[in-house]
Amino acid sequence: MPIRGVAKGKYRLREYLAFIGASMLDDKRSVLVGTGLPMLAAMLAQKTHAPNLLIMFEAGGVGPQLPELPVSVGESTTYYRGVAASSMHEVMSMCQAGYADYAFLGAAQVDMYGNINTTVIGEHDSPRVRLPGSGGANDGGSFAQKFITIIANQSRRSFVNRVDFLTTPGYLDGPGARERAGLASGSGPYRVITQLGIFDFEEETKRMRLISLHPGVSTAEVKENSEFDIIMSDKLGTSPEPAAQHLQILREEIDPADVVLGK
C-alpha cells in the first residue's frame, strides 16, 4: 500500500513508517519492542544510526543482533548474539526498575491522551472485534521512561474520543493522572506515528499535538481522520524521507520475505 503524497512508487507505507519509527530511537538507549512494525523500526535503527541500541523482547531476549525479522517476540532469533536469554519475568522486572528507555507499541485505537486499546472493539463482554490483547504492552507503557505508538491507518475509528478498552495507559485523563495511578513521574507517551504525521503531547495539557506532516499530507487530512480535536504545533515540520540505504536494509536484510512490509 503506497503512502499518499510521499511514496510516488518509491516505497510502501510500512517501509516509510518503519523508517520514521527508527528515527525516534537514539543510540546507547534501550527499547522494549512488540511484534511487527516496532521490530522493523528497532532493527533499522540498530543497523543504521543506533548500533548500540539495546533491543529487549518480553519473552526474554535482551540485546540481540537480529539476523532478520522475528515472527514473534518469542522466536529463537530474538536471542541471537544477545547479552541475555532470560525470561518474561526478568524483562518486565527490568522495565519496572526503570531500565527501559523506550517501549515501542502498536495500537488499534488511541485517544487524545495517548491511551491505547489493543483488546476489543465494542463492549468487552460482547465485542464487535476481538484484538490480540495486551501481551507486554501494558507493562511497557506503564514502566518504560517513554513509549512510542505506531498506527498504520489513522482514521476516525483509530483516533477516538475514548478508547473502547484501556489496554495500556497513556496520560489517562490528563495532567497528573499517571502519577495518581502510581506510575512514575515523567513517564508516558512520547510520540505517535501514523500514515499522516508525527505527534507528541503538549506538556501542560498532556493532549496529543501534531508536530510533523508527512510530505504531501495536509492538516485538513489529519483533522478529518480524528474524532478528537488535534492541537497543531506552532513549529509544524515536514517528516523526512528514507534514503536508498534504508530501503535496501529493510528489503534485503530485515524483512526479505515481506512478512510485515508486504501487508
C-alpha atoms as a PDB file:
ATOM      1  CA  MET A   1       0.000   0.000   0.000  1.00  0.00           C
ATOM      2  CA  PRO A   2       1.628   3.305  -1.040  1.00  0.00           C
ATOM      3  CA  ILE A   3       1.520   6.309   1.236  1.00  0.00           C
ATOM      4  CA  ARG A   4      -0.289   9.198  -0.425  1.00  0.00           C
ATOM      5  CA  GLY A   5       1.849  12.137  -1.414  1.00  0.00           C
ATOM      6  CA  VAL A   6       5.076  10.536  -0.224  1.00  0.00           C
ATOM      7  CA  ALA A   7       5.950   7.262  -1.887  1.00  0.00           C
ATOM      8  CA  LYS A   8       5.345   8.090  -5.547  1.00  0.00           C
ATOM      9  CA  GLY A   9       6.164   4.474  -6.293  1.00  0.00           C
ATOM     10  CA  LYS A  10       9.494   4.596  -4.467  1.00  0.00           C
ATOM     11  CA  TYR A  11       8.460   2.816  -1.275  1.00  0.00           C
ATOM     12  CA  ARG A  12       5.500   1.417   0.585  1.00  0.00           C
ATOM     13  CA  LEU A  13       3.616   2.663   3.614  1.00  0.00           C
ATOM     14  CA  ARG A  14       5.132   0.194   6.062  1.00  0.00           C
ATOM     15  CA  GLU A  15       8.628   0.916   4.802  1.00  0.00           C
ATOM     16  CA  TYR A  16       8.045   4.579   5.460  1.00  0.00           C
ATOM     17  CA  LEU A  17       6.559   4.007   8.916  1.00  0.00           C
ATOM     18  CA  ALA A  18       9.480   1.749   9.860  1.00  0.00           C
ATOM     19  CA  PHE A  19      11.913   4.473   8.773  1.00  0.00           C
ATOM     20  CA  ILE A  20      10.089   7.175  10.751  1.00  0.00           C
ATOM     21  CA  GLY A  21       9.889   4.883  13.779  1.00  0.00           C
ATOM     22  CA  ALA A  22      13.617   4.145  13.591  1.00  0.00           C
ATOM     23  CA  SER A  23      14.376   7.870  13.619  1.00  0.00           C
ATOM     24  CA  MET A  24      12.718   8.130  17.055  1.00  0.00           C
ATOM     25  CA  LEU A  25      15.261   5.778  18.665  1.00  0.00           C
ATOM     26  CA  ASP A  26      18.616   7.061  19.899  1.00  0.00           C
ATOM     27  CA  ASP A  27      21.906   5.224  20.151  1.00  0.00           C
ATOM     28  CA  LYS A  28      23.005   3.827  23.530  1.00  0.00           C
ATOM     29  CA  ARG A  29      19.409   3.521  24.712  1.00  0.00           C
ATOM     30  CA  SER A  30      17.167   0.532  25.447  1.00  0.00           C
ATOM     31  CA  VAL A  31      13.825  -0.274  23.846  1.00  0.00           C
ATOM     32  CA  LEU A  32      11.161  -2.894  24.538  1.00  0.00           C
ATOM     33  CA  VAL A  33       9.588  -3.767  21.201  1.00  0.00           C
ATOM     34  CA  GLY A  34       6.406  -5.504  20.151  1.00  0.00           C
ATOM     35  CA  THR A  35       5.743  -7.667  17.100  1.00  0.00           C
ATOM     36  CA  GLY A  36       5.574  -6.191  13.593  1.00  0.00           C
ATOM     37  CA  LEU A  37       6.350  -2.558  12.783  1.00  0.00           C
ATOM     38  CA  PRO A  38       8.038  -1.813  16.141  1.00  0.00           C
ATOM     39  CA  MET A  39      10.500  -4.640  15.399  1.00  0.00           C
ATOM     40  CA  LEU A  40      11.211  -3.252  11.938  1.00  0.00           C
ATOM     41  CA  ALA A  41      11.862   0.209  13.346  1.00  0.00           C
ATOM     42  CA  ALA A  42      14.171  -1.010  16.121  1.00  0.00           C
ATOM     43  CA  MET A  43      16.153  -3.234  13.768  1.00  0.00           C
ATOM     44  CA  LEU A  44      16.550  -0.450  11.202  1.00  0.00           C
ATOM     45  CA  ALA A  45      17.764   1.954  13.893  1.00  0.00           C
ATOM     46  CA  GLN A  46      20.296  -0.620  15.116  1.00  0.00           C
ATOM     47  CA  LYS A  47      21.582  -1.231  11.589  1.00  0.00           C
ATOM     48  CA  THR A  48      21.958   2.486  10.789  1.00  0.00           C
ATOM     49  CA  HIS A  49      22.338   5.372  13.245  1.00  0.00           C
ATOM     50  CA  ALA A  50      21.968   3.474  16.558  1.00  0.00           C
ATOM     51  CA  PRO A  51      24.325   0.450  16.506  1.00  0.00           C
ATOM     52  CA  ASN A  52      24.385   0.348  20.306  1.00  0.00           C
ATOM     53  CA  LEU A  53      20.607   0.332  20.714  1.00  0.00           C
ATOM     54  CA  LEU A  54      19.692  -2.372  23.237  1.00  0.00           C
ATOM     55  CA  ILE A  55      16.606  -4.224  21.987  1.00  0.00           C
ATOM     56  CA  MET A  56      14.512  -6.129  24.547  1.00  0.00           C
ATOM     57  CA  PHE A  57      11.738  -8.647  23.967  1.00  0.00           C
ATOM     58  CA  GLU A  58       9.105  -9.522  26.536  1.00  0.00           C
ATOM     59  CA  ALA A  59       9.746 -13.263  26.184  1.00  0.00           C
ATOM     60  CA  GLY A  60      13.298 -12.822  27.479  1.00  0.00           C
ATOM     61  CA  GLY A  61      15.661 -11.865  24.672  1.00  0.00           C
ATOM     62  CA  VAL A  62      17.897  -8.948  25.652  1.00  0.00           C
ATOM     63  CA  GLY A  63      20.392  -7.185  23.377  1.00  0.00           C
ATOM     64  CA  PRO A  64      20.243  -9.429  20.293  1.00  0.00           C
ATOM     65  CA  GLN A  65      21.864  -8.638  16.938  1.00  0.00           C
ATOM     66  CA  LEU A  66      18.901  -9.848  14.909  1.00  0.00           C
ATOM     67  CA  PRO A  67      19.781 -11.576  11.618  1.00  0.00           C
ATOM     68  CA  GLU A  68      16.310 -10.904  10.156  1.00  0.00           C
ATOM     69  CA  LEU A  69      12.787 -10.132  11.289  1.00  0.00           C
ATOM     70  CA  PRO A  70      11.436 -12.489  14.006  1.00  0.00           C
ATOM     71  CA  VAL A  71       7.894 -13.739  13.514  1.00  0.00           C
ATOM     72  CA  SER A  72       7.104 -13.002  17.165  1.00  0.00           C
ATOM     73  CA  VAL A  73       8.695 -11.741  20.370  1.00  0.00           C
ATOM     74  CA  GLY A  74       9.264 -15.348  21.453  1.00  0.00           C
ATOM     75  CA  GLU A  75      11.033 -16.679  18.353  1.00  0.00           C
ATOM     76  CA  SER A  76      14.518 -18.150  18.877  1.00  0.00           C
ATOM     77  CA  THR A  77      16.165 -15.417  16.770  1.00  0.00           C
ATOM     78  CA  THR A  78      15.264 -12.859  19.456  1.00  0.00           C
ATOM     79  CA  TYR A  79      18.199 -14.336  21.425  1.00  0.00           C
ATOM     80  CA  TYR A  80      20.699 -14.274  18.534  1.00  0.00           C
ATOM     81  CA  ARG A  81      24.042 -12.913  19.798  1.00  0.00           C
ATOM     82  CA  GLY A  82      22.169 -11.370  22.696  1.00  0.00           C
ATOM     83  CA  VAL A  83      23.561 -10.349  26.047  1.00  0.00           C
ATOM     84  CA  ALA A  84      20.940 -12.419  27.873  1.00  0.00           C
ATOM     85  CA  ALA A  85      18.430 -15.192  27.266  1.00  0.00           C
ATOM     86  CA  SER A  86      16.255 -14.516  30.278  1.00  0.00           C
ATOM     87  CA  SER A  87      12.516 -14.696  30.922  1.00  0.00           C
ATOM     88  CA  MET A  88       9.391 -12.581  30.754  1.00  0.00           C
ATOM     89  CA  HIS A  89       9.687 -12.048  34.499  1.00  0.00           C
ATOM     90  CA  GLU A  90      13.238 -10.725  34.154  1.00  0.00           C
ATOM     91  CA  VAL A  91      12.444  -8.371  31.269  1.00  0.00           C
ATOM     92  CA  MET A  92       9.329  -6.940  32.910  1.00  0.00           C
ATOM     93  CA  SER A  93      11.250  -6.535  36.161  1.00  0.00           C
ATOM     94  CA  MET A  94      13.892  -4.576  34.242  1.00  0.00           C
ATOM     95  CA  CYS A  95      11.159  -2.307  32.877  1.00  0.00           C
ATOM     96  CA  GLN A  96       9.671  -1.834  36.333  1.00  0.00           C
ATOM     97  CA  ALA A  97      13.112  -0.960  37.700  1.00  0.00           C
ATOM     98  CA  GLY A  98      13.462   1.783  35.096  1.00  0.00           C
ATOM     99  CA  TYR A  99      15.916   0.162  32.686  1.00  0.00           C
ATOM    100  CA  ALA A 100      13.751   0.579  29.572  1.00  0.00           C
ATOM    101  CA  ASP A 101      14.226   3.974  27.940  1.00  0.00           C
ATOM    102  CA  TYR A 102      11.516   3.310  25.355  1.00  0.00           C
ATOM    103  CA  ALA A 103       8.680   0.915  24.696  1.00  0.00           C
ATOM    104  CA  PHE A 104       7.607   0.706  21.051  1.00  0.00           C
ATOM    105  CA  LEU A 105       3.988  -0.422  20.716  1.00  0.00           C
ATOM    106  CA  GLY A 106       1.288  -0.920  18.118  1.00  0.00           C
ATOM    107  CA  ALA A 107      -2.321   0.133  18.642  1.00  0.00           C
ATOM    108  CA  ALA A 108      -5.802  -0.345  17.205  1.00  0.00           C
ATOM    109  CA  GLN A 109      -7.201   2.723  18.972  1.00  0.00           C
ATOM    110  CA  VAL A 110      -5.608   5.722  20.668  1.00  0.00           C
ATOM    111  CA  ASP A 111      -7.216   8.779  22.263  1.00  0.00           C
ATOM    112  CA  MET A 112      -6.107  12.379  22.804  1.00  0.00           C
ATOM    113  CA  TYR A 113      -4.157  11.419  25.958  1.00  0.00           C
ATOM    114  CA  GLY A 114      -2.291   8.559  24.311  1.00  0.00           C
ATOM    115  CA  ASN A 115      -4.268   5.747  25.943  1.00  0.00           C
ATOM    116  CA  ILE A 116      -4.058   2.566  23.833  1.00  0.00           C
ATOM    117  CA  ASN A 117      -6.559  -0.168  23.039  1.00  0.00           C
ATOM    118  CA  THR A 118      -5.396  -3.494  21.603  1.00  0.00           C
ATOM    119  CA  THR A 119      -8.009  -5.680  23.324  1.00  0.00           C
ATOM    120  CA  VAL A 120     -11.521  -5.283  21.872  1.00  0.00           C
ATOM    121  CA  ILE A 121     -13.597  -3.024  19.644  1.00  0.00           C
ATOM    122  CA  GLY A 122     -17.002  -2.547  21.225  1.00  0.00           C
ATOM    123  CA  GLU A 123     -18.164  -3.808  24.594  1.00  0.00           C
ATOM    124  CA  HIS A 124     -15.680  -6.090  26.334  1.00  0.00           C
ATOM    125  CA  ASP A 125     -18.165  -8.873  27.074  1.00  0.00           C
ATOM    126  CA  SER A 126     -19.696  -8.775  23.595  1.00  0.00           C
ATOM    127  CA  PRO A 127     -17.134  -7.181  21.269  1.00  0.00           C
ATOM    128  CA  ARG A 128     -17.546  -6.463  17.587  1.00  0.00           C
ATOM    129  CA  VAL A 129     -13.871  -7.329  17.118  1.00  0.00           C
ATOM    130  CA  ARG A 130     -11.550  -9.313  19.367  1.00  0.00           C
ATOM    131  CA  LEU A 131      -7.987  -7.958  19.103  1.00  0.00           C
ATOM    132  CA  PRO A 132      -4.674  -9.626  20.074  1.00  0.00           C
ATOM    133  CA  GLY A 133      -4.677  -8.170  23.585  1.00  0.00           C
ATOM    134  CA  SER A 134      -2.000  -6.634  25.754  1.00  0.00           C
ATOM    135  CA  GLY A 135       0.934  -9.021  25.738  1.00  0.00           C
ATOM    136  CA  GLY A 136       3.628  -6.896  27.350  1.00  0.00           C
ATOM    137  CA  ALA A 137       2.186  -3.592  26.121  1.00  0.00           C
ATOM    138  CA  ASN A 138       0.677  -2.600  29.460  1.00  0.00           C
ATOM    139  CA  ASP A 139       3.940  -3.272  31.276  1.00  0.00           C
ATOM    140  CA  GLY A 140       5.968  -1.436  28.639  1.00  0.00           C
ATOM    141  CA  GLY A 141       3.642   1.558  28.505  1.00  0.00           C
ATOM    142  CA  SER A 142       3.401   1.702  32.294  1.00  0.00           C
ATOM    143  CA  PHE A 143       7.065   1.286  33.202  1.00  0.00           C
ATOM    144  CA  ALA A 144       9.252   2.480  30.319  1.00  0.00           C
ATOM    145  CA  GLN A 145      10.566   6.024  30.544  1.00  0.00           C
ATOM    146  CA  LYS A 146       8.762   6.881  27.276  1.00  0.00           C
ATOM    147  CA  PHE A 147       6.613   4.965  24.868  1.00  0.00           C
ATOM    148  CA  ILE A 148       6.024   5.340  21.151  1.00  0.00           C
ATOM    149  CA  THR A 149       2.829   4.239  19.430  1.00  0.00           C
ATOM    150  CA  ILE A 150       2.638   3.324  15.753  1.00  0.00           C
ATOM    151  CA  ILE A 151      -0.668   3.132  13.854  1.00  0.00           C
ATOM    152  CA  ALA A 152      -0.594   2.273  10.152  1.00  0.00           C
ATOM    153  CA  ASN A 153      -4.062   3.663   9.418  1.00  0.00           C
ATOM    154  CA  GLN A 154      -5.126   6.829  11.167  1.00  0.00           C
ATOM    155  CA  SER A 155      -8.881   7.324  10.851  1.00  0.00           C
ATOM    156  CA  ARG A 156     -11.857   8.307  12.962  1.00  0.00           C
ATOM    157  CA  ARG A 157     -12.035   4.643  14.002  1.00  0.00           C
ATOM    158  CA  SER A 158      -8.464   4.579  15.346  1.00  0.00           C
ATOM    159  CA  PHE A 159      -8.136   8.169  16.666  1.00  0.00           C
ATOM    160  CA  VAL A 160     -11.100   8.119  19.035  1.00  0.00           C
ATOM    161  CA  ASN A 161     -12.541  10.324  21.765  1.00  0.00           C
ATOM    162  CA  ARG A 162     -12.360   7.427  24.207  1.00  0.00           C
ATOM    163  CA  VAL A 163     -10.791   4.012  23.691  1.00  0.00           C
ATOM    164  CA  ASP A 164     -13.256   1.116  23.900  1.00  0.00           C
ATOM    165  CA  PHE A 165     -10.925  -0.683  26.314  1.00  0.00           C
ATOM    166  CA  LEU A 166      -7.897   0.668  28.175  1.00  0.00           C
ATOM    167  CA  THR A 167      -5.136  -1.819  27.391  1.00  0.00           C
ATOM    168  CA  THR A 168      -2.172   0.485  28.012  1.00  0.00           C
ATOM    169  CA  PRO A 169      -2.340   3.741  29.993  1.00  0.00           C
ATOM    170  CA  GLY A 170      -1.221   6.946  28.350  1.00  0.00           C
ATOM    171  CA  TYR A 171      -1.837  10.118  30.305  1.00  0.00           C
ATOM    172  CA  LEU A 172      -5.219   8.630  31.328  1.00  0.00           C
ATOM    173  CA  ASP A 173      -7.485  11.685  31.738  1.00  0.00           C
ATOM    174  CA  GLY A 174      -4.862  14.422  31.759  1.00  0.00           C
ATOM    175  CA  PRO A 175      -2.090  16.056  33.779  1.00  0.00           C
ATOM    176  CA  GLY A 176      -1.106  14.229  36.968  1.00  0.00           C
ATOM    177  CA  ALA A 177      -3.286  11.194  36.254  1.00  0.00           C
ATOM    178  CA  ARG A 178      -0.404   8.745  35.719  1.00  0.00           C
ATOM    179  CA  GLU A 179       1.196   9.808  38.970  1.00  0.00           C
ATOM    180  CA  ARG A 180      -2.100   9.434  40.849  1.00  0.00           C
ATOM    181  CA  ALA A 181      -2.352   5.912  39.437  1.00  0.00           C
ATOM    182  CA  GLY A 182       1.059   5.085  40.906  1.00  0.00           C
ATOM    183  CA  LEU A 183       3.135   5.356  37.719  1.00  0.00           C
ATOM    184  CA  ALA A 184       6.487   7.112  37.566  1.00  0.00           C
ATOM    185  CA  SER A 185       6.574  10.878  37.229  1.00  0.00           C
ATOM    186  CA  GLY A 186       7.809  11.962  33.814  1.00  0.00           C
ATOM    187  CA  SER A 187       6.904   8.682  32.113  1.00  0.00           C
ATOM    188  CA  GLY A 188       4.220   8.211  29.469  1.00  0.00           C
ATOM    189  CA  PRO A 189       3.514   8.633  25.759  1.00  0.00           C
ATOM    190  CA  TYR A 190       6.321  10.249  23.764  1.00  0.00           C
ATOM    191  CA  ARG A 191       5.345  10.022  20.096  1.00  0.00           C
ATOM    192  CA  VAL A 192       2.508   8.688  17.937  1.00  0.00           C
ATOM    193  CA  ILE A 193       3.319   7.822  14.319  1.00  0.00           C
ATOM    194  CA  THR A 194       0.691   7.334  11.613  1.00  0.00           C
ATOM    195  CA  GLN A 195       0.493   7.361   7.816  1.00  0.00           C
ATOM    196  CA  LEU A 196      -0.267  11.095   8.035  1.00  0.00           C
ATOM    197  CA  GLY A 197       2.196  12.534  10.508  1.00  0.00           C
ATOM    198  CA  ILE A 198       4.090  12.507  13.791  1.00  0.00           C
ATOM    199  CA  PHE A 199       2.524  13.619  17.067  1.00  0.00           C
ATOM    200  CA  ASP A 200       3.847  14.473  20.504  1.00  0.00           C
ATOM    201  CA  PHE A 201       1.995  15.534  23.664  1.00  0.00           C
ATOM    202  CA  GLU A 202       1.589  19.086  24.925  1.00  0.00           C
ATOM    203  CA  GLU A 203       3.366  19.495  28.248  1.00  0.00           C
ATOM    204  CA  GLU A 204       0.649  21.495  30.007  1.00  0.00           C
ATOM    205  CA  THR A 205      -2.450  19.582  28.918  1.00  0.00           C
ATOM    206  CA  LYS A 206      -0.910  16.167  28.017  1.00  0.00           C
ATOM    207  CA  ARG A 207      -3.026  16.239  24.842  1.00  0.00           C
ATOM    208  CA  MET A 208      -1.813  14.931  21.510  1.00  0.00           C
ATOM    209  CA  ARG A 209      -0.237  17.531  19.214  1.00  0.00           C
ATOM    210  CA  LEU A 210       0.764  17.319  15.561  1.00  0.00           C
ATOM    211  CA  ILE A 211       4.439  18.247  15.153  1.00  0.00           C
ATOM    212  CA  SER A 212       5.230  16.938  11.652  1.00  0.00           C
ATOM    213  CA  LEU A 213       3.271  16.277   8.477  1.00  0.00           C
ATOM    214  CA  HIS A 214       4.426  13.603   6.081  1.00  0.00           C
ATOM    215  CA  PRO A 215       5.228  15.024   2.619  1.00  0.00           C
ATOM    216  CA  GLY A 216       2.086  15.666   0.586  1.00  0.00           C
ATOM    217  CA  VAL A 217      -0.286  15.492   3.591  1.00  0.00           C
ATOM    218  CA  SER A 218      -2.363  18.470   4.732  1.00  0.00           C
ATOM    219  CA  THR A 219      -3.518  19.492   8.196  1.00  0.00           C
ATOM    220  CA  ALA A 220      -7.095  19.134   6.923  1.00  0.00           C
ATOM    221  CA  GLU A 221      -6.500  15.415   6.279  1.00  0.00           C
ATOM    222  CA  VAL A 222      -5.166  14.951   9.803  1.00  0.00           C
ATOM    223  CA  LYS A 223      -8.196  16.691  11.301  1.00  0.00           C
ATOM    224  CA  GLU A 224     -10.631  14.729   9.119  1.00  0.00           C
ATOM    225  CA  ASN A 225      -9.130  11.469  10.332  1.00  0.00           C
ATOM    226  CA  SER A 226      -9.614  12.018  14.050  1.00  0.00           C
ATOM    227  CA  GLU A 227     -12.674  12.078  16.312  1.00  0.00           C
ATOM    228  CA  PHE A 228     -10.960  14.456  18.725  1.00  0.00           C
ATOM    229  CA  ASP A 229      -9.540  17.905  18.023  1.00  0.00           C
ATOM    230  CA  ILE A 230      -5.802  17.736  17.424  1.00  0.00           C
ATOM    231  CA  ILE A 231      -3.603  20.564  18.616  1.00  0.00           C
ATOM    232  CA  MET A 232      -1.249  21.920  15.954  1.00  0.00           C
ATOM    233  CA  SER A 233       2.336  22.778  16.835  1.00  0.00           C
ATOM    234  CA  ASP A 234       3.461  26.362  16.242  1.00  0.00           C
ATOM    235  CA  LYS A 235       6.575  24.847  14.622  1.00  0.00           C
ATOM    236  CA  LEU A 236       4.885  22.287  12.392  1.00  0.00           C
ATOM    237  CA  GLY A 237       7.518  20.499  10.321  1.00  0.00           C
ATOM    238  CA  THR A 238       7.725  18.073   7.409  1.00  0.00           C
ATOM    239  CA  SER A 239       8.761  14.487   8.018  1.00  0.00           C
ATOM    240  CA  PRO A 240      11.942  13.239   6.306  1.00  0.00           C
ATOM    241  CA  GLU A 241      12.023  10.590   3.588  1.00  0.00           C
ATOM    242  CA  PRO A 242      14.196   7.458   3.645  1.00  0.00           C
ATOM    243  CA  ALA A 243      17.425   7.165   1.693  1.00  0.00           C
ATOM    244  CA  ALA A 244      18.106   4.253  -0.640  1.00  0.00           C
ATOM    245  CA  GLN A 245      20.243   2.685   2.095  1.00  0.00           C
ATOM    246  CA  HIS A 246      17.287   2.492   4.486  1.00  0.00           C
ATOM    247  CA  LEU A 247      15.077   0.809   1.898  1.00  0.00           C
ATOM    248  CA  GLN A 248      17.784  -1.666   0.926  1.00  0.00           C
ATOM    249  CA  ILE A 249      18.325  -2.699   4.540  1.00  0.00           C
ATOM    250  CA  LEU A 250      14.599  -3.096   5.151  1.00  0.00           C
ATOM    251  CA  ARG A 251      14.003  -5.135   1.989  1.00  0.00           C
ATOM    252  CA  GLU A 252      17.156  -7.232   1.794  1.00  0.00           C
ATOM    253  CA  GLU A 253      18.326  -7.648   5.389  1.00  0.00           C
ATOM    254  CA  ILE A 254      15.407  -7.162   7.772  1.00  0.00           C
ATOM    255  CA  ASP A 255      12.280  -8.443   6.005  1.00  0.00           C
ATOM    256  CA  PRO A 256      13.284 -10.110   2.708  1.00  0.00           C
ATOM    257  CA  ALA A 257      10.228 -12.393   2.875  1.00  0.00           C
ATOM    258  CA  ASP A 258       7.854  -9.383   3.100  1.00  0.00           C
ATOM    259  CA  VAL A 259       6.283 -10.754   6.279  1.00  0.00           C
ATOM    260  CA  VAL A 260       5.422  -7.283   7.612  1.00  0.00           C
ATOM    261  CA  LEU A 261       6.445  -4.943   4.806  1.00  0.00           C
ATOM    262  CA  GLY A 262       4.135  -6.754   2.368  1.00  0.00           C
ATOM    263  CA  LYS A 263       0.975  -6.267   4.409  1.00  0.00           C
END
